[in-house]
Amino acid sequence: EEDDDREAIRRLVAQTAALGIDVEHLRVRSPRPVEALLEVAGERDAGLLVIGPDPARLRPRTFRKAVKRIRKRCSCLLWVAGEGP
């Protein structure tokens, strides 16, 4: 994420928190990011997991494969940014 992205994310988190919703913004850096993301979501008892690709850093096929693996094993709601309505 770039500095501009971080600021936009901070604003969104603040707006959501102002509605009384618990929000936590995490950046997962791991050799096995899907497993790490699912582990953190499980530990935090997440109700909604929001993920989105950075097209400059991730090939579309790689992202699609990761989303498929997350959908298969995720125990909460999943929102994939940029996907359909």
PDB file of N, CA and C in Angstrom:
ATOM      1  N   GLU A   1       0.839  -1.175   0.000  1.00  0.00           N
ATOM      2  CA  GLU A   1       0.000   0.000   0.000  1.00  0.00           C
ATOM      3  C   GLU A   1       0.886   1.242   0.000  1.00  0.00           C
ATOM      4  N   GLU A   2       0.441   2.232  -0.710  1.00  0.00           N
ATOM      5  CA  GLU A   2       1.171   3.490  -0.809  1.00  0.00           C
ATOM      6  C   GLU A   2       0.661   4.463   0.251  1.00  0.00           C
ATOM      7  N   ASP A   3       1.376   5.576   0.431  1.00  0.00           N
ATOM      8  CA  ASP A   3       0.973   6.569   1.430  1.00  0.00           C
ATOM      9  C   ASP A   3      -0.448   7.068   1.191  1.00  0.00           C
ATOM     10  N   ASP A   4      -0.793   7.333  -0.077  1.00  0.00           N
ATOM     11  CA  ASP A   4      -2.154   7.792  -0.403  1.00  0.00           C
ATOM     12  C   ASP A   4      -3.187   6.734  -0.033  1.00  0.00           C
ATOM     13  N   ASP A   5      -2.861   5.482  -0.293  1.00  0.00           N
ATOM     14  CA  ASP A   5      -3.773   4.385   0.050  1.00  0.00           C
ATOM     15  C   ASP A   5      -3.982   4.308   1.553  1.00  0.00           C
ATOM     16  N   ARG A   6      -2.890   4.437   2.305  1.00  0.00           N
ATOM     17  CA  ARG A   6      -2.993   4.354   3.764  1.00  0.00           C
ATOM     18  C   ARG A   6      -3.924   5.423   4.312  1.00  0.00           C
ATOM     19  N   GLU A   7      -3.815   6.631   3.777  1.00  0.00           N
ATOM     20  CA  GLU A   7      -4.664   7.722   4.252  1.00  0.00           C
ATOM     21  C   GLU A   7      -6.136   7.444   3.939  1.00  0.00           C
ATOM     22  N   ALA A   8      -6.411   6.961   2.730  1.00  0.00           N
ATOM     23  CA  ALA A   8      -7.791   6.627   2.352  1.00  0.00           C
ATOM     24  C   ALA A   8      -8.329   5.500   3.237  1.00  0.00           C
ATOM     25  N   ILE A   9      -7.483   4.519   3.531  1.00  0.00           N
ATOM     26  CA  ILE A   9      -7.902   3.409   4.392  1.00  0.00           C
ATOM     27  C   ILE A   9      -8.171   3.914   5.801  1.00  0.00           C
ATOM     28  N   ARG A  10      -7.306   4.775   6.311  1.00  0.00           N
ATOM     29  CA  ARG A  10      -7.512   5.339   7.656  1.00  0.00           C
ATOM     30  C   ARG A  10      -8.846   6.086   7.740  1.00  0.00           C
ATOM     31  N   ARG A  11      -9.164   6.866   6.701  1.00  0.00           N
ATOM     32  CA  ARG A  11     -10.439   7.604   6.695  1.00  0.00           C
ATOM     33  C   ARG A  11     -11.617   6.635   6.702  1.00  0.00           C
ATOM     34  N   LEU A  12     -11.544   5.609   5.877  1.00  0.00           N
ATOM     35  CA  LEU A  12     -12.626   4.621   5.809  1.00  0.00           C
ATOM     36  C   LEU A  12     -12.787   3.897   7.141  1.00  0.00           C
ATOM     37  N   VAL A  13     -11.674   3.517   7.760  1.00  0.00           N
ATOM     38  CA  VAL A  13     -11.728   2.846   9.059  1.00  0.00           C
ATOM     39  C   VAL A  13     -12.359   3.775  10.101  1.00  0.00           C
ATOM     40  N   ALA A  14     -11.970   5.046  10.096  1.00  0.00           N
ATOM     41  CA  ALA A  14     -12.525   6.011  11.058  1.00  0.00           C
ATOM     42  C   ALA A  14     -14.027   6.193  10.840  1.00  0.00           C
ATOM     43  N   GLN A  15     -14.456   6.288   9.589  1.00  0.00           N
ATOM     44  CA  GLN A  15     -15.885   6.451   9.288  1.00  0.00           C
ATOM     45  C   GLN A  15     -16.671   5.226   9.753  1.00  0.00           C
ATOM     46  N   THR A  16     -16.139   4.058   9.494  1.00  0.00           N
ATOM     47  CA  THR A  16     -16.815   2.823   9.882  1.00  0.00           C
ATOM     48  C   THR A  16     -16.879   2.696  11.401  1.00  0.00           C
ATOM     49  N   ALA A  17     -15.782   3.017  12.079  1.00  0.00           N
ATOM     50  CA  ALA A  17     -15.743   2.961  13.536  1.00  0.00           C
ATOM     51  C   ALA A  17     -16.733   3.961  14.141  1.00  0.00           C
ATOM     52  N   ALA A  18     -16.926   5.094  13.480  1.00  0.00           N
ATOM     53  CA  ALA A  18     -17.872   6.101  13.968  1.00  0.00           C
ATOM     54  C   ALA A  18     -19.310   5.567  13.950  1.00  0.00           C
ATOM     55  N   LEU A  19     -19.561   4.559  13.136  1.00  0.00           N
ATOM     56  CA  LEU A  19     -20.881   3.932  13.085  1.00  0.00           C
ATOM     57  C   LEU A  19     -21.057   2.885  14.185  1.00  0.00           C
ATOM     58  N   GLY A  20     -20.009   2.686  14.988  1.00  0.00           N
ATOM     59  CA  GLY A  20     -20.088   1.724  16.079  1.00  0.00           C
ATOM     60  C   GLY A  20     -19.656   0.322  15.690  1.00  0.00           C
ATOM     61  N   ILE A  21     -18.999   0.199  14.552  1.00  0.00           N
ATOM     62  CA  ILE A  21     -18.545  -1.109  14.084  1.00  0.00           C
ATOM     63  C   ILE A  21     -17.064  -1.252  14.421  1.00  0.00           C
ATOM     64  N   ASP A  22     -16.705  -2.371  15.036  1.00  0.00           N
ATOM     65  CA  ASP A  22     -15.294  -2.629  15.332  1.00  0.00           C
ATOM     66  C   ASP A  22     -14.562  -2.930  14.030  1.00  0.00           C
ATOM     67  N   VAL A  23     -13.488  -2.179  13.789  1.00  0.00           N
ATOM     68  CA  VAL A  23     -12.729  -2.312  12.545  1.00  0.00           C
ATOM     69  C   VAL A  23     -11.250  -2.429  12.889  1.00  0.00           C
ATOM     70  N   GLU A  24     -10.590  -3.300  12.165  1.00  0.00           N
ATOM     71  CA  GLU A  24      -9.145  -3.430  12.336  1.00  0.00           C
ATOM     72  C   GLU A  24      -8.519  -3.572  10.955  1.00  0.00           C
ATOM     73  N   HIS A  25      -7.572  -2.705  10.665  1.00  0.00           N
ATOM     74  CA  HIS A  25      -6.876  -2.755   9.389  1.00  0.00           C
ATOM     75  C   HIS A  25      -5.557  -3.472   9.611  1.00  0.00           C
ATOM     76  N   LEU A  26      -5.363  -4.567   8.899  1.00  0.00           N
ATOM     77  CA  LEU A  26      -4.147  -5.350   9.037  1.00  0.00           C
ATOM     78  C   LEU A  26      -3.485  -5.516   7.678  1.00  0.00           C
ATOM     79  N   ARG A  27      -2.188  -5.503   7.697  1.00  0.00           N
ATOM     80  CA  ARG A  27      -1.429  -5.800   6.488  1.00  0.00           C
ATOM     81  C   ARG A  27      -0.669  -7.080   6.765  1.00  0.00           C
ATOM     82  N   VAL A  28      -0.952  -8.107   5.996  1.00  0.00           N
ATOM     83  CA  VAL A  28      -0.339  -9.413   6.210  1.00  0.00           C
ATOM     84  C   VAL A  28       0.862  -9.552   5.283  1.00  0.00           C
ATOM     85  N   ARG A  29       2.008  -9.776   5.893  1.00  0.00           N
ATOM     86  CA  ARG A  29       3.243 -10.018   5.131  1.00  0.00           C
ATOM     87  C   ARG A  29       3.781 -11.358   5.607  1.00  0.00           C
ATOM     88  N   SER A  30       3.762 -12.312   4.703  1.00  0.00           N
ATOM     89  CA  SER A  30       4.156 -13.660   5.071  1.00  0.00           C
ATOM     90  C   SER A  30       4.552 -14.420   3.812  1.00  0.00           C
ATOM     91  N   PRO A  31       5.413 -15.424   3.955  1.00  0.00           N
ATOM     92  CA  PRO A  31       5.709 -16.277   2.799  1.00  0.00           C
ATOM     93  C   PRO A  31       4.474 -17.071   2.352  1.00  0.00           C
ATOM     94  N   ARG A  32       3.520 -17.246   3.282  1.00  0.00           N
ATOM     95  CA  ARG A  32       2.269 -17.950   2.981  1.00  0.00           C
ATOM     96  C   ARG A  32       1.106 -17.038   3.366  1.00  0.00           C
ATOM     97  N   PRO A  33       0.826 -16.014   2.554  1.00  0.00           N
ATOM     98  CA  PRO A  33      -0.135 -14.976   2.943  1.00  0.00           C
ATOM     99  C   PRO A  33      -1.565 -15.467   3.134  1.00  0.00           C
ATOM    100  N   VAL A  34      -2.020 -16.419   2.335  1.00  0.00           N
ATOM    101  CA  VAL A  34      -3.399 -16.900   2.481  1.00  0.00           C
ATOM    102  C   VAL A  34      -3.572 -17.571   3.839  1.00  0.00           C
ATOM    103  N   GLU A  35      -2.632 -18.451   4.195  1.00  0.00           N
ATOM    104  CA  GLU A  35      -2.714 -19.139   5.474  1.00  0.00           C
ATOM    105  C   GLU A  35      -2.615 -18.136   6.627  1.00  0.00           C
ATOM    106  N   ALA A  36      -1.712 -17.169   6.500  1.00  0.00           N
ATOM    107  CA  ALA A  36      -1.552 -16.164   7.550  1.00  0.00           C
ATOM    108  C   ALA A  36      -2.823 -15.332   7.713  1.00  0.00           C
ATOM    109  N   LEU A  37      -3.420 -14.932   6.599  1.00  0.00           N
ATOM    110  CA  LEU A  37      -4.646 -14.138   6.634  1.00  0.00           C
ATOM    111  C   LEU A  37      -5.782 -14.911   7.294  1.00  0.00           C
ATOM    112  N   LEU A  38      -5.948 -16.160   6.934  1.00  0.00           N
ATOM    113  CA  LEU A  38      -7.005 -16.978   7.524  1.00  0.00           C
ATOM    114  C   LEU A  38      -6.757 -17.216   9.010  1.00  0.00           C
ATOM    115  N   GLU A  39      -5.509 -17.389   9.394  1.00  0.00           N
ATOM    116  CA  GLU A  39      -5.184 -17.587  10.803  1.00  0.00           C
ATOM    117  C   GLU A  39      -5.512 -16.333  11.620  1.00  0.00           C
ATOM    118  N   VAL A  40      -5.124 -15.172  11.110  1.00  0.00           N
ATOM    119  CA  VAL A  40      -5.407 -13.921  11.818  1.00  0.00           C
ATOM    120  C   VAL A  40      -6.914 -13.686  11.903  1.00  0.00           C
ATOM    121  N   ALA A  41      -7.628 -13.912  10.807  1.00  0.00           N
ATOM    122  CA  ALA A  41      -9.083 -13.719  10.804  1.00  0.00           C
ATOM    123  C   ALA A  41      -9.745 -14.643  11.821  1.00  0.00           C
ATOM    124  N   GLY A  42      -9.264 -15.872  11.928  1.00  0.00           N
ATOM    125  CA  GLY A  42      -9.806 -16.815  12.904  1.00  0.00           C
ATOM    126  C   GLY A  42      -9.495 -16.400  14.331  1.00  0.00           C
ATOM    127  N   GLU A  43      -8.248 -15.962  14.562  1.00  0.00           N
ATOM    128  CA  GLU A  43      -7.861 -15.524  15.907  1.00  0.00           C
ATOM    129  C   GLU A  43      -8.662 -14.312  16.366  1.00  0.00           C
ATOM    130  N   ARG A  44      -8.959 -13.414  15.428  1.00  0.00           N
ATOM    131  CA  ARG A  44      -9.684 -12.183  15.765  1.00  0.00           C
ATOM    132  C   ARG A  44     -11.189 -12.378  15.737  1.00  0.00           C
ATOM    133  N   ASP A  45     -11.642 -13.578  15.367  1.00  0.00           N
ATOM    134  CA  ASP A  45     -13.066 -13.884  15.254  1.00  0.00           C
ATOM    135  C   ASP A  45     -13.753 -12.872  14.333  1.00  0.00           C
ATOM    136  N   ALA A  46     -13.169 -12.689  13.155  1.00  0.00           N
ATOM    137  CA  ALA A  46     -13.663 -11.710  12.187  1.00  0.00           C
ATOM    138  C   ALA A  46     -15.061 -12.060  11.705  1.00  0.00           C
ATOM    139  N   GLY A  47     -15.870 -11.037  11.495  1.00  0.00           N
ATOM    140  CA  GLY A  47     -17.206 -11.211  10.936  1.00  0.00           C
ATOM    141  C   GLY A  47     -17.219 -10.936   9.443  1.00  0.00           C
ATOM    142  N   LEU A  48     -16.275 -10.109   8.998  1.00  0.00           N
ATOM    143  CA  LEU A  48     -16.172  -9.743   7.583  1.00  0.00           C
ATOM    144  C   LEU A  48     -14.706  -9.544   7.252  1.00  0.00           C
ATOM    145  N   LEU A  49     -14.283 -10.162   6.175  1.00  0.00           N
ATOM    146  CA  LEU A  49     -12.921 -10.027   5.687  1.00  0.00           C
ATOM    147  C   LEU A  49     -12.995  -9.337   4.338  1.00  0.00           C
ATOM    148  N   VAL A  50     -12.295  -8.219   4.192  1.00  0.00           N
ATOM    149  CA  VAL A  50     -12.283  -7.459   2.943  1.00  0.00           C
ATOM    150  C   VAL A  50     -10.893  -7.563   2.350  1.00  0.00           C
ATOM    151  N   ILE A  51     -10.812  -8.018   1.118  1.00  0.00           N
ATOM    152  CA  ILE A  51      -9.521  -8.101   0.444  1.00  0.00           C
ATOM    153  C   ILE A  51      -9.631  -7.464  -0.925  1.00  0.00           C
ATOM    154  N   GLY A  52      -8.516  -6.980  -1.414  1.00  0.00           N
ATOM    155  CA  GLY A  52      -8.481  -6.376  -2.736  1.00  0.00           C
ATOM    156  C   GLY A  52      -7.080  -6.423  -3.292  1.00  0.00           C
ATOM    157  N   PRO A  53      -6.950  -6.557  -4.590  1.00  0.00           N
ATOM    158  CA  PRO A  53      -5.633  -6.677  -5.198  1.00  0.00           C
ATOM    159  C   PRO A  53      -5.009  -5.320  -5.485  1.00  0.00           C
ATOM    160  N   ASP A  54      -3.708  -5.304  -5.560  1.00  0.00           N
ATOM    161  CA  ASP A  54      -2.978  -4.167  -6.097  1.00  0.00           C
ATOM    162  C   ASP A  54      -2.495  -4.630  -7.467  1.00  0.00           C
ATOM    163  N   PRO A  55      -3.144  -4.174  -8.544  1.00  0.00           N
ATOM    164  CA  PRO A  55      -2.806  -4.679  -9.872  1.00  0.00           C
ATOM    165  C   PRO A  55      -1.339  -4.501 -10.236  1.00  0.00           C
ATOM    166  N   ALA A  56      -0.670  -3.525  -9.643  1.00  0.00           N
ATOM    167  CA  ALA A  56       0.738  -3.304  -9.956  1.00  0.00           C
ATOM    168  C   ALA A  56       1.637  -4.342  -9.287  1.00  0.00           C
ATOM    169  N   ARG A  57       1.136  -5.020  -8.265  1.00  0.00           N
ATOM    170  CA  ARG A  57       1.968  -5.955  -7.517  1.00  0.00           C
ATOM    171  C   ARG A  57       1.559  -7.413  -7.634  1.00  0.00           C
ATOM    172  N   LEU A  58       0.389  -7.656  -8.171  1.00  0.00           N
ATOM    173  CA  LEU A  58      -0.122  -9.017  -8.176  1.00  0.00           C
ATOM    174  C   LEU A  58      -0.783  -9.320  -9.515  1.00  0.00           C
ATOM    175  N   ARG A  59      -0.397 -10.439 -10.091  1.00  0.00           N
ATOM    176  CA  ARG A  59      -1.034 -10.839 -11.359  1.00  0.00           C
ATOM    177  C   ARG A  59      -2.478 -11.255 -11.097  1.00  0.00           C
ATOM    178  N   PRO A  60      -3.380 -10.950 -12.032  1.00  0.00           N
ATOM    179  CA  PRO A  60      -4.800 -11.305 -11.837  1.00  0.00           C
ATOM    180  C   PRO A  60      -5.008 -12.788 -11.554  1.00  0.00           C
ATOM    181  N   ARG A  61      -4.290 -13.652 -12.255  1.00  0.00           N
ATOM    182  CA  ARG A  61      -4.458 -15.092 -12.044  1.00  0.00           C
ATOM    183  C   ARG A  61      -4.038 -15.493 -10.632  1.00  0.00           C
ATOM    184  N   THR A  62      -2.955 -14.926 -10.147  1.00  0.00           N
ATOM    185  CA  THR A  62      -2.483 -15.217  -8.790  1.00  0.00           C
ATOM    186  C   THR A  62      -3.520 -14.779  -7.768  1.00  0.00           C
ATOM    187  N   PHE A  63      -4.093 -13.592  -7.988  1.00  0.00           N
ATOM    188  CA  PHE A  63      -5.111 -13.094  -7.061  1.00  0.00           C
ATOM    189  C   PHE A  63      -6.345 -13.983  -7.094  1.00  0.00           C
ATOM    190  N   ARG A  64      -6.803 -14.374  -8.269  1.00  0.00           N
ATOM    191  CA  ARG A  64      -7.978 -15.244  -8.376  1.00  0.00           C
ATOM    192  C   ARG A  64      -7.764 -16.569  -7.636  1.00  0.00           C
ATOM    193  N   LYS A  65      -6.570 -17.137  -7.769  1.00  0.00           N
ATOM    194  CA  LYS A  65      -6.271 -18.393  -7.078  1.00  0.00           C
ATOM    195  C   LYS A  65      -6.292 -18.197  -5.565  1.00  0.00           C
ATOM    196  N   ALA A  66      -5.756 -17.075  -5.106  1.00  0.00           N
ATOM    197  CA  ALA A  66      -5.757 -16.792  -3.666  1.00  0.00           C
ATOM    198  C   ALA A  66      -7.188 -16.624  -3.163  1.00  0.00           C
ATOM    199  N   VAL A  67      -8.014 -15.897  -3.910  1.00  0.00           N
ATOM    200  CA  VAL A  67      -9.414 -15.692  -3.512  1.00  0.00           C
ATOM    201  C   VAL A  67     -10.142 -17.029  -3.439  1.00  0.00           C
ATOM    202  N   LYS A  68      -9.889 -17.895  -4.389  1.00  0.00           N
ATOM    203  CA  LYS A  68     -10.533 -19.211  -4.395  1.00  0.00           C
ATOM    204  C   LYS A  68     -10.149 -19.995  -3.131  1.00  0.00           C
ATOM    205  N   ARG A  69      -8.883 -19.943  -2.750  1.00  0.00           N
ATOM    206  CA  ARG A  69      -8.431 -20.645  -1.548  1.00  0.00           C
ATOM    207  C   ARG A  69      -9.031 -20.031  -0.285  1.00  0.00           C
ATOM    208  N   ILE A  70      -9.130 -18.706  -0.260  1.00  0.00           N
ATOM    209  CA  ILE A  70      -9.707 -18.031   0.903  1.00  0.00           C
ATOM    210  C   ILE A  70     -11.188 -18.377   1.021  1.00  0.00           C
ATOM    211  N   ARG A  71     -11.918 -18.328  -0.091  1.00  0.00           N
ATOM    212  CA  ARG A  71     -13.358 -18.661  -0.061  1.00  0.00           C
ATOM    213  C   ARG A  71     -13.592 -20.058   0.469  1.00  0.00           C
ATOM    214  N   LYS A  72     -12.744 -20.974   0.076  1.00  0.00           N
ATOM    215  CA  LYS A  72     -12.908 -22.371   0.464  1.00  0.00           C
ATOM    216  C   LYS A  72     -12.749 -22.562   1.976  1.00  0.00           C
ATOM    217  N   ARG A  73     -11.872 -21.760   2.600  1.00  0.00           N
ATOM    218  CA  ARG A  73     -11.531 -22.000   4.002  1.00  0.00           C
ATOM    219  C   ARG A  73     -11.965 -20.900   4.971  1.00  0.00           C
ATOM    220  N   CYS A  74     -12.493 -19.807   4.467  1.00  0.00           N
ATOM    221  CA  CYS A  74     -12.856 -18.673   5.321  1.00  0.00           C
ATOM    222  C   CYS A  74     -14.108 -18.993   6.135  1.00  0.00           C
ATOM    223  N   SER A  75     -14.076 -18.632   7.421  1.00  0.00           N
ATOM    224  CA  SER A  75     -15.216 -18.922   8.289  1.00  0.00           C
ATOM    225  C   SER A  75     -16.088 -17.692   8.536  1.00  0.00           C
ATOM    226  N   CYS A  76     -15.844 -16.612   7.778  1.00  0.00           N
ATOM    227  CA  CYS A  76     -16.650 -15.402   7.942  1.00  0.00           C
ATOM    228  C   CYS A  76     -17.068 -14.893   6.558  1.00  0.00           C
ATOM    229  N   LEU A  77     -17.811 -13.804   6.550  1.00  0.00           N
ATOM    230  CA  LEU A  77     -18.185 -13.192   5.280  1.00  0.00           C
ATOM    231  C   LEU A  77     -16.941 -12.675   4.577  1.00  0.00           C
ATOM    232  N   LEU A  78     -16.959 -12.695   3.259  1.00  0.00           N
ATOM    233  CA  LEU A  78     -15.808 -12.247   2.475  1.00  0.00           C
ATOM    234  C   LEU A  78     -16.273 -11.237   1.440  1.00  0.00           C
ATOM    235  N   TRP A  79     -15.600 -10.096   1.393  1.00  0.00           N
ATOM    236  CA  TRP A  79     -15.859  -9.088   0.369  1.00  0.00           C
ATOM    237  C   TRP A  79     -14.585  -8.930  -0.429  1.00  0.00           C
ATOM    238  N   VAL A  80     -14.671  -9.214  -1.714  1.00  0.00           N
ATOM    239  CA  VAL A  80     -13.520  -9.047  -2.606  1.00  0.00           C
ATOM    240  C   VAL A  80     -13.719  -7.735  -3.352  1.00  0.00           C
ATOM    241  N   ALA A  81     -12.932  -6.745  -2.999  1.00  0.00           N
ATOM    242  CA  ALA A  81     -13.043  -5.413  -3.616  1.00  0.00           C
ATOM    243  C   ALA A  81     -12.818  -5.528  -5.117  1.00  0.00           C
ATOM    244  N   GLY A  82     -13.689  -4.860  -5.873  1.00  0.00           N
ATOM    245  CA  GLY A  82     -13.584  -4.866  -7.324  1.00  0.00           C
ATOM    246  C   GLY A  82     -14.344  -5.990  -7.995  1.00  0.00           C
ATOM    247  N   GLU A  83     -14.994  -6.827  -7.210  1.00  0.00           N
ATOM    248  CA  GLU A  83     -15.748  -7.952  -7.763  1.00  0.00           C
ATOM    249  C   GLU A  83     -17.231  -7.624  -7.777  1.00  0.00           C
ATOM    250  N   GLY A  84     -17.845  -7.659  -8.912  1.00  0.00           N
ATOM    251  CA  GLY A  84     -19.293  -7.509  -9.043  1.00  0.00           C
ATOM    252  C   GLY A  84     -19.983  -6.598  -8.053  1.00  0.00           C
ATOM    253  N   PRO A  85     -21.328  -6.598  -8.032  1.00  0.00           N
ATOM    254  CA  PRO A  85     -22.084  -5.726  -7.112  1.00  0.00           C
ATOM    255  C   PRO A  85     -21.977  -6.156  -5.667  1.00  0.00           C
TER     256      PRO A  85
END
